[in-house]
Amino acid sequence: MSYGVYMMPGPLQRISTMLVFSLCLTVPSCHSDSPPRGPTPRTDLEQLPRFRGFNLLEKFTVHDDRPYREEDFRLIAELGFNFVRLPLDYRCFTAARNPRLLKKNAMREIDAAIGWGERYGIHVCLNFHRAPGYCVNPPPEKTDLWEDPRTQETFAFLWGLFAARYRGIPSEQLSFNLINEPGEVAETTYTAVMNLAVAAIRKEDPNRLIVIDGLAWGTRPVSGITDPLVLESARGYAPMPLTHYRAPWVTGADNFPVPTWPIRCDISAYLYGPDKPDLHSPLEINLPAGRDTTLTILVRQVSARSRLVVTVDGTTVFEKQFLPGPGKGEWEKVVFAEQWGIYQNIYNTRYSIPIPAGAQRITIANVAGDWLLLGNLTVAPLTPAMTEPVVLSPGSPLWGLTQHPIRITTNGRIESAASGVVLDREWLRREYLAPWFTASRQGTMFMVGEFGAFNQTPHPVVLAWMDDLLRELRKKNIGWALWNFRGPFGILDSGRDDVVYEDFHGHKLDRAMLELLRRN
């Protein structure tokens, strides 16, 4: 989806007298009984330390809203880290019928977290993970932050309240991360809305450190933000089939292959149809001369609709229409992708296709529809030198990897598999981090505000991948924040069944992950 540019005539020009009065009712200082502070001291980005730490999720969602815990701050400091990010659901701290009014008790809990950060020497970054009009997670907001002027005003207004409330706290201790992971929004629209919030903050606090997430869910740097006290924030979730393996909130994650690291991709897992014209490409398998054989295709998942066609030397030998929908069907599981309004059902079905002797080229194509997700493709032995079936593995469902011709030799070796794509440390640097490193050389300062891997990914795989990612960040002096401190991405109480935990102040500590983080 693309968005048009909406430019406000002024960042907060249409705020009513009643709303200004509500601002006056909001205590401008961190604690209700403390005197007003002076201005926030000026801090240059170059003076900031390298942030390393964790996200704390007590107010991540209104459905699990809890006070922050001083123990977390004390333990994080004890373990040698200096940063926490607090992802906030605005519904936790605003009135249900008026999102421009702050809840006193909720704000005092946020105040307490900021105070503990100061006490234990930990920088606190406040983030609107769910803001009026936008959240990367379901359910969608009733209004659209990127298109609705009133929602944009509310978003900027809330950041103005935060700026007034916490004015005077040094930026070495506190920063504002405006919105979490903008998705399919045009850069001009995104920067226009972010600049409204920046202006509201600067009106109250000219020296507050501001953090802005990158575009495309935090994967691409942003241009168009010229404020000198803005730090950008990236993500560290690539490749997602490794980091979110069997994560229940990710469509199809329970169907990902068991992750490894590094990952070799013999073929692309996605067979794109014409609805993805930039990615639409057939898979071509060139065979040695041989006897009759059998091609087996595992279809894992289908999005919207697809028509799978297999040809041998130009002659169609197999054709199958896939139309996922509700209720019972030939699929294993119904999956409705609410954000796109389509079904992306799980099939996990194998199709065996006879291939005649002397066949030279097999072409596998999705000739109509969106995409289907492939599992392993198997070619039964067709020459005397082949002692076992040839298995073509997609390795990891990496979005955007198109198909390339491959060749099977007489002894069953695979050549030119998917251009020899290997996902490893070099791939992380070249394909994932390179845009950020380029922006950094041009003067953009950034950190990785979230990264990590869910607790279903094998622990040795997580550690190998994490070490490669963090070594690249350390080389550039780039900070980071693991998604959990306690929980399934974290170092405490992660619920993994392949870790030998240590007792640590009554918690289960993943010592191996802790030491990896410490050295990076």
Protein backbone atom coordinates (compact mmCIF):
# COMPACT_ATOMS: atom_id res chain seq x y z
CA MET A 1 0.00 0.00 0.00
CA SER A 2 1.27 3.47 -0.84
CA TYR A 3 0.42 6.64 1.00
CA GLY A 4 0.13 10.23 -0.14
CA VAL A 5 1.92 13.09 1.58
CA TYR A 6 -0.08 15.07 4.13
CA MET A 7 1.58 18.22 5.40
CA MET A 8 0.05 19.87 8.45
CA PRO A 9 -0.28 23.68 8.32
CA GLY A 10 1.42 23.78 11.71
CA PRO A 11 2.41 21.06 14.15
CA LEU A 12 -0.28 21.76 16.75
CA GLN A 13 -2.26 24.70 15.40
CA ARG A 14 -5.72 23.26 15.99
CA ILE A 15 -5.41 22.20 19.63
CA SER A 16 -8.43 23.52 21.52
CA THR A 17 -8.43 25.51 24.73
CA MET A 18 -9.74 22.44 26.53
CA LEU A 19 -6.75 20.38 25.37
CA VAL A 20 -4.32 23.06 26.45
CA PHE A 21 -6.05 23.02 29.83
CA SER A 22 -5.53 19.26 30.03
CA LEU A 23 -1.83 19.84 29.44
CA CYS A 24 -1.80 22.30 32.31
CA LEU A 25 -3.38 19.64 34.52
CA THR A 26 -0.56 17.25 33.69
CA VAL A 27 2.35 17.46 36.10
CA PRO A 28 5.38 18.68 34.14
CA SER A 29 7.94 17.04 36.38
CA CYS A 30 8.82 13.41 36.87
CA HIS A 31 7.30 13.22 40.35
CA SER A 32 4.22 15.13 41.42
CA ASP A 33 5.87 16.50 44.55
CA SER A 34 9.16 17.57 42.96
CA PRO A 35 9.92 21.16 41.96
CA PRO A 36 10.01 22.10 38.27
CA ARG A 37 13.34 21.34 36.64
CA GLY A 38 15.53 23.60 34.62
CA PRO A 39 16.21 23.03 30.93
CA THR A 40 17.62 19.72 29.72
CA PRO A 41 21.41 19.98 29.30
CA ARG A 42 22.67 19.89 25.73
CA THR A 43 24.21 16.54 24.68
CA ASP A 44 25.82 15.85 21.32
CA LEU A 45 25.30 12.41 19.82
CA GLU A 46 29.04 11.85 19.73
CA GLN A 47 29.15 12.17 23.52
CA LEU A 48 26.74 9.30 24.11
CA PRO A 49 28.08 5.93 25.27
CA ARG A 50 27.54 2.77 23.27
CA PHE A 51 24.17 1.55 24.50
CA ARG A 52 23.82 -2.17 25.27
CA GLY A 53 20.82 -3.59 27.05
CA PHE A 54 17.28 -4.89 26.91
CA ASN A 55 13.62 -4.16 26.27
CA LEU A 56 11.33 -4.34 29.32
CA LEU A 57 7.76 -5.24 28.38
CA GLU A 58 5.61 -4.32 31.38
CA LYS A 59 3.58 -1.83 29.31
CA PHE A 60 4.03 -3.44 25.92
CA THR A 61 0.29 -4.16 25.72
CA VAL A 62 -2.75 -2.95 27.65
CA HIS A 63 -3.78 -6.60 28.06
CA ASP A 64 -0.75 -7.31 30.26
CA ASP A 65 -0.16 -3.93 31.87
CA ARG A 66 2.04 -4.14 35.00
CA PRO A 67 4.32 -1.83 37.00
CA TYR A 68 8.01 -1.90 36.17
CA ARG A 69 10.30 -3.79 38.53
CA GLU A 70 13.25 -2.14 40.25
CA GLU A 71 14.93 -5.56 40.38
CA ASP A 72 15.30 -5.54 36.58
CA PHE A 73 17.25 -2.29 36.65
CA ARG A 74 19.43 -3.49 39.51
CA LEU A 75 20.24 -6.81 37.82
CA ILE A 76 20.88 -5.23 34.41
CA ALA A 77 23.38 -2.86 36.03
CA GLU A 78 24.93 -5.71 38.00
CA LEU A 79 25.48 -7.67 34.79
CA GLY A 80 27.25 -4.73 33.18
CA PHE A 81 24.68 -3.23 30.80
CA ASN A 82 23.59 0.40 30.48
CA PHE A 83 20.34 0.63 28.49
CA VAL A 84 16.66 -0.27 28.63
CA ARG A 85 13.97 0.42 26.07
CA LEU A 86 10.39 0.60 27.35
CA PRO A 87 7.92 -0.24 24.53
CA LEU A 88 4.65 1.43 25.52
CA ASP A 89 1.07 0.80 24.46
CA TYR A 90 -0.51 4.27 24.63
CA ARG A 91 -3.69 2.69 25.99
CA CYS A 92 -1.76 1.84 29.19
CA PHE A 93 -1.20 5.49 30.09
CA THR A 94 -4.08 7.40 28.44
CA ALA A 95 -7.78 7.63 29.25
CA ALA A 96 -9.93 5.15 27.32
CA ARG A 97 -12.28 7.82 25.96
CA ASN A 98 -9.71 10.57 25.49
CA PRO A 99 -6.17 9.57 24.44
CA ARG A 100 -4.96 13.11 25.16
CA LEU A 101 -5.47 12.67 28.91
CA LEU A 102 -2.79 10.85 30.90
CA LYS A 103 -3.53 8.34 33.67
CA LYS A 104 -1.79 9.50 36.84
CA ASN A 105 -0.97 6.04 38.22
CA ALA A 106 0.42 4.76 34.93
CA MET A 107 2.59 7.84 34.50
CA ARG A 108 3.93 7.42 38.04
CA GLU A 109 4.99 3.88 37.11
CA ILE A 110 6.85 5.25 34.08
CA ASP A 111 8.32 7.96 36.34
CA ALA A 112 9.57 5.22 38.67
CA ALA A 113 11.30 3.38 35.82
CA ILE A 114 13.08 6.57 34.76
CA GLY A 115 14.10 7.15 38.38
CA TRP A 116 15.52 3.64 38.68
CA GLY A 117 17.44 4.19 35.47
CA GLU A 118 19.06 7.24 37.05
CA ARG A 119 19.74 5.33 40.29
CA TYR A 120 21.46 2.40 38.58
CA GLY A 121 23.19 4.25 35.75
CA ILE A 122 20.93 2.91 32.98
CA HIS A 123 19.68 4.97 30.05
CA VAL A 124 15.89 4.73 29.60
CA CYS A 125 14.37 4.97 26.12
CA LEU A 126 10.58 5.49 26.01
CA ASN A 127 8.95 4.09 22.87
CA PHE A 128 5.39 4.24 21.57
CA HIS A 129 5.09 0.62 20.43
CA ARG A 130 1.39 1.21 19.92
CA ALA A 131 0.60 4.84 19.14
CA PRO A 132 -2.73 6.45 18.25
CA GLY A 133 -3.34 5.33 14.67
CA TYR A 134 -0.58 2.74 14.27
CA CYS A 135 0.83 -0.49 15.64
CA VAL A 136 2.84 -3.15 13.84
CA ASN A 137 0.92 -5.81 15.79
CA PRO A 138 -2.79 -6.62 15.53
CA PRO A 139 -5.39 -5.43 16.12
CA PRO A 140 -5.19 -2.44 13.78
CA GLU A 141 -6.02 0.99 15.16
CA LYS A 142 -9.40 2.52 14.33
CA THR A 143 -7.73 5.56 12.73
CA ASP A 144 -4.65 5.88 10.52
CA LEU A 145 -1.65 7.80 11.84
CA TRP A 146 -0.26 8.23 8.32
CA GLU A 147 -3.44 9.71 6.82
CA ASP A 148 -5.63 11.20 9.54
CA PRO A 149 -4.73 14.79 10.62
CA ARG A 150 -6.52 14.53 13.96
CA THR A 151 -4.62 11.35 14.86
CA GLN A 152 -1.35 13.01 13.86
CA GLU A 153 -2.13 15.90 16.19
CA THR A 154 -2.85 13.51 19.06
CA PHE A 155 0.41 11.65 18.43
CA ALA A 156 2.44 14.87 18.49
CA PHE A 157 0.45 16.20 21.44
CA LEU A 158 1.31 13.16 23.57
CA TRP A 159 5.00 13.51 22.83
CA GLY A 160 4.71 17.18 23.80
CA LEU A 161 3.26 16.11 27.15
CA PHE A 162 6.13 13.68 27.71
CA ALA A 163 8.66 16.35 26.76
CA ALA A 164 7.19 18.79 29.28
CA ARG A 165 6.92 16.18 32.01
CA TYR A 166 10.54 15.04 31.74
CA ARG A 167 12.21 18.31 30.81
CA GLY A 168 15.51 18.68 32.63
CA ILE A 169 16.48 15.01 32.75
CA PRO A 170 19.75 14.75 30.81
CA SER A 171 19.68 12.98 27.47
CA GLU A 172 22.42 10.68 28.75
CA GLN A 173 19.62 9.26 30.95
CA LEU A 174 16.47 9.54 28.82
CA SER A 175 15.42 9.45 25.17
CA PHE A 176 12.15 9.31 23.22
CA ASN A 177 11.70 6.65 20.50
CA LEU A 178 8.71 8.06 18.59
CA ILE A 179 7.10 5.03 16.94
CA ASN A 180 7.86 1.34 16.59
CA GLU A 181 8.58 -0.21 13.18
CA PRO A 182 6.69 1.76 10.53
CA GLY A 183 5.54 -0.66 7.85
CA GLU A 184 4.23 0.09 4.38
CA VAL A 185 4.34 3.88 4.54
CA ALA A 186 5.95 6.28 2.08
CA GLU A 187 9.11 7.93 3.39
CA THR A 188 7.79 11.43 2.77
CA THR A 189 4.65 10.66 4.77
CA TYR A 190 6.61 9.05 7.57
CA THR A 191 9.09 11.90 7.91
CA ALA A 192 6.29 14.49 7.81
CA VAL A 193 4.50 12.81 10.74
CA MET A 194 7.71 12.27 12.68
CA ASN A 195 8.66 15.92 12.19
CA LEU A 196 5.34 16.93 13.77
CA ALA A 197 6.29 15.00 16.91
CA VAL A 198 9.84 16.35 16.83
CA ALA A 199 8.45 19.90 16.68
CA ALA A 200 6.12 19.23 19.62
CA ILE A 201 9.03 17.89 21.66
CA ARG A 202 11.34 20.72 20.71
CA LYS A 203 8.73 23.28 21.77
CA GLU A 204 8.94 21.90 25.30
CA ASP A 205 12.50 20.59 25.38
CA PRO A 206 15.02 21.73 22.76
CA ASN A 207 17.69 19.27 23.93
CA ARG A 208 15.88 15.94 24.33
CA LEU A 209 17.50 12.98 22.55
CA ILE A 210 15.03 11.54 20.01
CA VAL A 211 15.15 8.09 18.40
CA ILE A 212 13.39 7.35 15.09
CA ASP A 213 12.89 3.83 13.78
CA GLY A 214 13.94 3.02 10.25
CA LEU A 215 11.50 2.45 7.41
CA ALA A 216 10.10 -0.93 6.34
CA TRP A 217 9.80 -2.24 9.89
CA GLY A 218 13.13 -0.79 10.95
CA THR A 219 15.19 -2.25 8.12
CA ARG A 220 16.01 0.87 6.06
CA PRO A 221 17.51 4.21 7.13
CA VAL A 222 15.43 7.38 6.95
CA SER A 223 16.30 10.63 5.22
CA GLY A 224 14.41 13.85 5.73
CA ILE A 225 14.92 14.16 9.49
CA THR A 226 17.41 16.98 9.94
CA ASP A 227 17.25 17.51 13.70
CA PRO A 228 20.82 17.18 15.08
CA LEU A 229 19.69 15.27 18.19
CA VAL A 230 18.03 12.36 16.38
CA LEU A 231 19.39 8.83 16.56
CA GLU A 232 17.99 6.23 14.17
CA SER A 233 17.03 2.71 15.19
CA ALA A 234 17.39 -0.50 13.16
CA ARG A 235 16.24 -4.08 13.79
CA GLY A 236 18.14 -7.34 14.15
CA TYR A 237 15.67 -10.03 13.12
CA ALA A 238 17.24 -11.36 9.93
CA PRO A 239 16.69 -13.96 8.72
CA MET A 240 13.22 -14.03 10.25
CA PRO A 241 12.67 -17.80 9.81
CA LEU A 242 15.61 -18.23 12.20
CA THR A 243 14.71 -15.50 14.69
CA HIS A 244 10.95 -16.25 14.73
CA TYR A 245 10.93 -20.01 14.26
CA ARG A 246 7.60 -21.34 15.60
CA ALA A 247 6.68 -17.93 17.03
CA PRO A 248 2.89 -18.18 17.47
CA TRP A 249 2.20 -14.60 16.35
CA VAL A 250 3.95 -15.03 12.96
CA THR A 251 1.85 -16.53 10.18
CA GLY A 252 3.36 -19.82 9.01
CA ALA A 253 6.22 -19.80 11.54
CA ASP A 254 5.28 -23.26 12.77
CA ASN A 255 5.91 -24.40 9.21
CA PHE A 256 9.45 -23.04 8.89
CA PRO A 257 12.23 -25.64 8.58
CA VAL A 258 14.35 -26.15 11.69
CA PRO A 259 16.89 -23.30 11.52
CA THR A 260 20.62 -23.74 11.08
CA TRP A 261 23.41 -21.15 10.93
CA PRO A 262 24.94 -20.56 8.43
CA ILE A 263 22.08 -21.41 6.04
CA ARG A 264 22.56 -22.60 2.48
CA CYS A 265 19.67 -22.03 0.07
CA ASP A 266 19.61 -24.49 -2.84
CA ILE A 267 16.42 -22.86 -4.11
CA SER A 268 14.20 -19.98 -3.05
CA ALA A 269 11.48 -21.14 -0.69
CA TYR A 270 9.00 -18.78 -2.34
CA LEU A 271 7.60 -19.54 -5.77
CA TYR A 272 6.15 -16.15 -6.69
CA GLY A 273 3.22 -15.74 -9.05
CA PRO A 274 2.31 -12.89 -11.40
CA ASP A 275 0.82 -10.91 -8.49
CA LYS A 276 4.46 -10.29 -7.47
CA PRO A 277 5.77 -9.14 -10.87
CA ASP A 278 9.18 -8.03 -9.59
CA LEU A 279 9.79 -11.48 -8.08
CA HIS A 280 7.86 -13.74 -10.45
CA SER A 281 10.30 -16.38 -11.70
CA PRO A 282 10.15 -20.13 -12.46
CA LEU A 283 12.49 -22.74 -11.05
CA GLU A 284 14.45 -24.49 -13.79
CA ILE A 285 16.15 -27.83 -13.06
CA ASN A 286 18.54 -29.16 -15.72
CA LEU A 287 19.02 -32.94 -15.61
CA PRO A 288 21.68 -35.35 -16.88
CA ALA A 289 20.61 -37.99 -19.38
CA GLY A 290 19.01 -40.82 -17.45
CA ARG A 291 16.16 -43.20 -16.83
CA ASP A 292 12.61 -42.57 -15.67
CA THR A 293 12.51 -40.75 -12.35
CA THR A 294 10.11 -39.02 -9.98
CA LEU A 295 10.03 -35.40 -8.85
CA THR A 296 8.41 -34.83 -5.44
CA ILE A 297 7.35 -31.30 -4.49
CA LEU A 298 6.41 -30.33 -0.94
CA VAL A 299 3.98 -27.40 -0.89
CA ARG A 300 3.99 -25.92 2.58
CA GLN A 301 1.80 -22.83 2.31
CA VAL A 302 -0.24 -20.92 -0.26
CA SER A 303 -1.10 -17.20 -0.21
CA ALA A 304 -4.45 -16.07 -1.70
CA ARG A 305 -4.33 -18.34 -4.76
CA SER A 306 -1.73 -20.05 -6.93
CA ARG A 307 -1.57 -22.34 -9.94
CA LEU A 308 1.41 -24.68 -9.93
CA VAL A 309 2.54 -25.94 -13.35
CA VAL A 310 5.37 -28.40 -14.00
CA THR A 311 6.69 -28.84 -17.54
CA VAL A 312 9.30 -31.26 -18.90
CA ASP A 313 11.09 -30.00 -21.99
CA GLY A 314 8.16 -27.70 -22.70
CA THR A 315 5.37 -30.25 -22.17
CA THR A 316 3.04 -29.84 -19.18
CA VAL A 317 3.12 -32.92 -16.96
CA PHE A 318 1.43 -31.54 -13.83
CA GLU A 319 -0.97 -28.73 -13.04
CA LYS A 320 -2.61 -27.88 -9.72
CA GLN A 321 -4.85 -24.99 -8.64
CA PHE A 322 -4.65 -23.81 -5.01
CA LEU A 323 -7.49 -21.71 -3.57
CA PRO A 324 -7.08 -21.44 0.22
CA GLY A 325 -10.15 -20.34 2.14
CA PRO A 326 -12.13 -20.82 5.35
CA GLY A 327 -13.38 -24.09 6.82
CA LYS A 328 -12.34 -27.60 5.85
CA GLY A 329 -10.42 -28.26 2.68
CA GLU A 330 -7.33 -29.91 1.27
CA TRP A 331 -5.22 -27.74 3.55
CA GLU A 332 -3.89 -28.74 6.96
CA LYS A 333 -4.59 -25.42 8.71
CA VAL A 334 -6.56 -22.26 7.92
CA VAL A 335 -4.54 -19.04 8.25
CA PHE A 336 -6.26 -15.70 7.63
CA ALA A 337 -3.86 -12.78 7.18
CA GLU A 338 -5.97 -9.96 8.59
CA GLN A 339 -3.62 -7.18 7.51
CA TRP A 340 -4.08 -8.14 3.83
CA GLY A 341 -7.53 -9.67 4.02
CA ILE A 342 -6.47 -12.97 2.42
CA TYR A 343 -6.09 -16.62 3.36
CA GLN A 344 -2.57 -18.06 3.55
CA ASN A 345 -3.34 -21.63 4.48
CA ILE A 346 -0.89 -24.33 5.49
CA TYR A 347 -0.95 -27.35 3.15
CA ASN A 348 2.15 -29.47 3.96
CA THR A 349 1.28 -31.71 1.02
CA ARG A 350 3.63 -33.66 -1.26
CA TYR A 351 2.96 -34.12 -4.95
CA SER A 352 4.81 -36.84 -6.88
CA ILE A 353 5.28 -36.26 -10.60
CA PRO A 354 6.66 -38.92 -13.01
CA ILE A 355 9.53 -37.67 -15.18
CA PRO A 356 10.21 -39.66 -18.39
CA ALA A 357 13.61 -41.05 -19.35
CA GLY A 358 15.83 -38.68 -21.27
CA ALA A 359 14.28 -35.54 -19.78
CA GLN A 360 16.63 -32.58 -19.95
CA ARG A 361 14.80 -29.70 -18.25
CA ILE A 362 12.11 -29.48 -15.59
CA THR A 363 10.40 -26.11 -15.11
CA ILE A 364 8.32 -25.43 -12.03
CA ALA A 365 6.24 -22.24 -12.13
CA ASN A 366 3.47 -20.42 -10.31
CA VAL A 367 1.55 -19.12 -13.29
CA ALA A 368 -1.35 -17.40 -11.51
CA GLY A 369 -1.78 -15.69 -8.16
CA ASP A 370 0.37 -14.58 -5.26
CA TRP A 371 2.95 -17.02 -3.87
CA LEU A 372 3.37 -20.51 -2.54
CA LEU A 373 5.98 -21.70 -0.08
CA LEU A 374 8.04 -24.73 -1.03
CA GLY A 375 9.61 -27.35 1.17
CA ASN A 376 12.23 -29.79 -0.07
CA LEU A 377 12.12 -30.91 -3.70
CA THR A 378 13.34 -34.46 -4.30
CA VAL A 379 14.51 -36.08 -7.55
CA ALA A 380 14.77 -39.87 -7.38
CA PRO A 381 18.05 -41.39 -8.70
CA LEU A 382 18.11 -41.35 -12.50
CA THR A 383 21.72 -42.41 -13.28
CA PRO A 384 23.82 -45.35 -12.07
CA ALA A 385 26.15 -42.93 -10.28
CA MET A 386 23.33 -41.61 -8.09
CA THR A 387 23.09 -43.75 -4.98
CA GLU A 388 20.39 -41.71 -3.27
CA PRO A 389 17.74 -39.09 -4.16
CA VAL A 390 18.84 -35.51 -4.87
CA VAL A 391 17.27 -33.15 -2.34
CA LEU A 392 16.89 -29.47 -3.22
CA SER A 393 16.44 -27.55 0.03
CA PRO A 394 15.14 -23.97 0.33
CA GLY A 395 17.06 -23.68 3.59
CA SER A 396 15.23 -20.60 4.87
CA PRO A 397 12.09 -18.82 3.63
CA LEU A 398 13.97 -15.65 2.76
CA TRP A 399 11.64 -13.09 1.20
CA GLY A 400 12.75 -11.55 -2.08
CA LEU A 401 15.09 -14.33 -3.24
CA THR A 402 14.11 -15.20 -6.82
CA GLN A 403 14.62 -18.55 -8.51
CA HIS A 404 17.71 -19.28 -10.60
CA PRO A 405 18.48 -22.21 -12.95
CA ILE A 406 20.26 -25.12 -11.34
CA ARG A 407 21.90 -28.24 -12.74
CA ILE A 408 22.06 -31.75 -11.32
CA THR A 409 25.21 -33.61 -12.39
CA THR A 410 25.41 -37.32 -13.24
CA ASN A 411 26.62 -38.10 -9.72
CA GLY A 412 23.81 -36.10 -8.11
CA ARG A 413 25.70 -32.92 -7.26
CA ILE A 414 23.83 -29.60 -7.36
CA GLU A 415 25.51 -26.77 -9.27
CA SER A 416 24.74 -23.03 -9.32
CA ALA A 417 22.12 -23.49 -6.64
CA ALA A 418 20.24 -20.21 -6.24
CA SER A 419 23.39 -18.34 -7.25
CA GLY A 420 25.16 -20.09 -4.38
CA VAL A 421 23.24 -18.08 -1.74
CA VAL A 422 24.58 -18.69 1.73
CA LEU A 423 23.20 -16.84 4.74
CA ASP A 424 26.11 -16.22 7.07
CA ARG A 425 28.01 -13.36 8.70
CA GLU A 426 29.02 -12.00 5.30
CA TRP A 427 25.37 -12.06 4.21
CA LEU A 428 24.33 -10.15 7.34
CA ARG A 429 26.91 -7.48 6.57
CA ARG A 430 26.29 -7.30 2.82
CA GLU A 431 22.51 -7.67 2.57
CA TYR A 432 21.09 -6.60 5.90
CA LEU A 433 23.42 -4.15 7.61
CA ALA A 434 25.01 -2.53 4.55
CA PRO A 435 22.38 0.23 4.11
CA TRP A 436 22.85 1.23 7.74
CA PHE A 437 26.62 1.16 7.51
CA THR A 438 26.41 3.35 4.40
CA ALA A 439 24.15 5.82 6.20
CA SER A 440 26.54 5.80 9.14
CA ARG A 441 29.43 6.80 6.89
CA GLN A 442 27.27 9.68 5.66
CA GLY A 443 26.71 10.94 9.19
CA THR A 444 23.63 9.04 10.42
CA MET A 445 24.06 7.62 13.90
CA PHE A 446 22.01 4.56 14.79
CA MET A 447 21.59 1.63 17.13
CA VAL A 448 19.68 -1.66 16.91
CA GLY A 449 16.66 -1.07 19.11
CA GLU A 450 15.45 -4.68 18.97
CA PHE A 451 17.04 -8.01 18.12
CA GLY A 452 17.01 -11.61 19.25
CA ALA A 453 15.61 -15.05 18.52
CA PHE A 454 12.53 -16.79 19.91
CA ASN A 455 13.06 -19.68 22.30
CA GLN A 456 12.06 -22.40 19.80
CA THR A 457 15.17 -21.85 17.65
CA PRO A 458 17.88 -24.31 18.73
CA HIS A 459 20.14 -22.62 21.27
CA PRO A 460 23.46 -23.35 19.49
CA VAL A 461 21.99 -21.84 16.31
CA VAL A 462 20.88 -18.72 18.20
CA LEU A 463 24.31 -18.24 19.74
CA ALA A 464 26.15 -18.69 16.42
CA TRP A 465 23.86 -16.25 14.61
CA MET A 466 23.86 -13.74 17.48
CA ASP A 467 27.65 -13.75 17.71
CA ASP A 468 27.97 -13.00 13.98
CA LEU A 469 25.46 -10.15 14.17
CA LEU A 470 26.92 -8.55 17.29
CA ARG A 471 30.51 -8.81 16.07
CA GLU A 472 29.52 -6.77 13.03
CA LEU A 473 27.86 -4.16 15.25
CA ARG A 474 30.79 -4.03 17.66
CA LYS A 475 33.21 -3.36 14.79
CA LYS A 476 31.23 -0.18 14.05
CA ASN A 477 30.67 0.72 17.73
CA ILE A 478 26.90 0.34 17.30
CA GLY A 479 24.68 -0.29 20.31
CA TRP A 480 21.84 -2.74 20.67
CA ALA A 481 18.92 -3.89 22.85
CA LEU A 482 17.79 -7.51 23.14
CA TRP A 483 13.99 -7.82 22.89
CA ASN A 484 13.67 -9.43 26.32
CA PHE A 485 15.57 -9.32 29.58
CA ARG A 486 13.20 -11.84 31.12
CA GLY A 487 11.25 -13.96 28.66
CA PRO A 488 11.49 -16.09 25.51
CA PHE A 489 14.06 -13.87 23.75
CA GLY A 490 16.03 -13.04 26.88
CA ILE A 491 18.81 -14.20 29.15
CA LEU A 492 16.56 -14.79 32.19
CA ASP A 493 13.66 -17.25 32.40
CA SER A 494 13.62 -17.79 28.64
CA GLY A 495 11.82 -21.14 28.74
CA ARG A 496 14.24 -22.92 26.40
CA ASP A 497 14.43 -26.68 26.80
CA ASP A 498 17.99 -26.98 25.43
CA VAL A 499 19.80 -24.73 27.93
CA VAL A 500 21.49 -25.63 31.21
CA TYR A 501 20.42 -22.69 33.37
CA GLU A 502 22.15 -21.19 36.40
CA ASP A 503 20.28 -19.89 39.41
CA PHE A 504 20.66 -16.10 39.52
CA HIS A 505 18.79 -14.23 42.26
CA GLY A 506 15.91 -16.69 41.89
CA HIS A 507 15.89 -16.52 38.09
CA LYS A 508 17.09 -19.03 35.49
CA LEU A 509 20.13 -17.46 33.80
CA ASP A 510 21.32 -18.40 30.31
CA ARG A 511 25.03 -18.03 31.06
CA ALA A 512 26.20 -18.76 27.51
CA MET A 513 24.04 -16.01 26.02
CA LEU A 514 25.00 -13.59 28.79
CA GLU A 515 28.71 -14.03 28.17
CA LEU A 516 28.20 -13.64 24.42
CA LEU A 517 26.40 -10.33 25.01
CA ARG A 518 29.06 -9.15 27.43
CA ARG A 519 31.92 -9.67 25.00
CA ASN A 520 30.04 -7.85 22.23
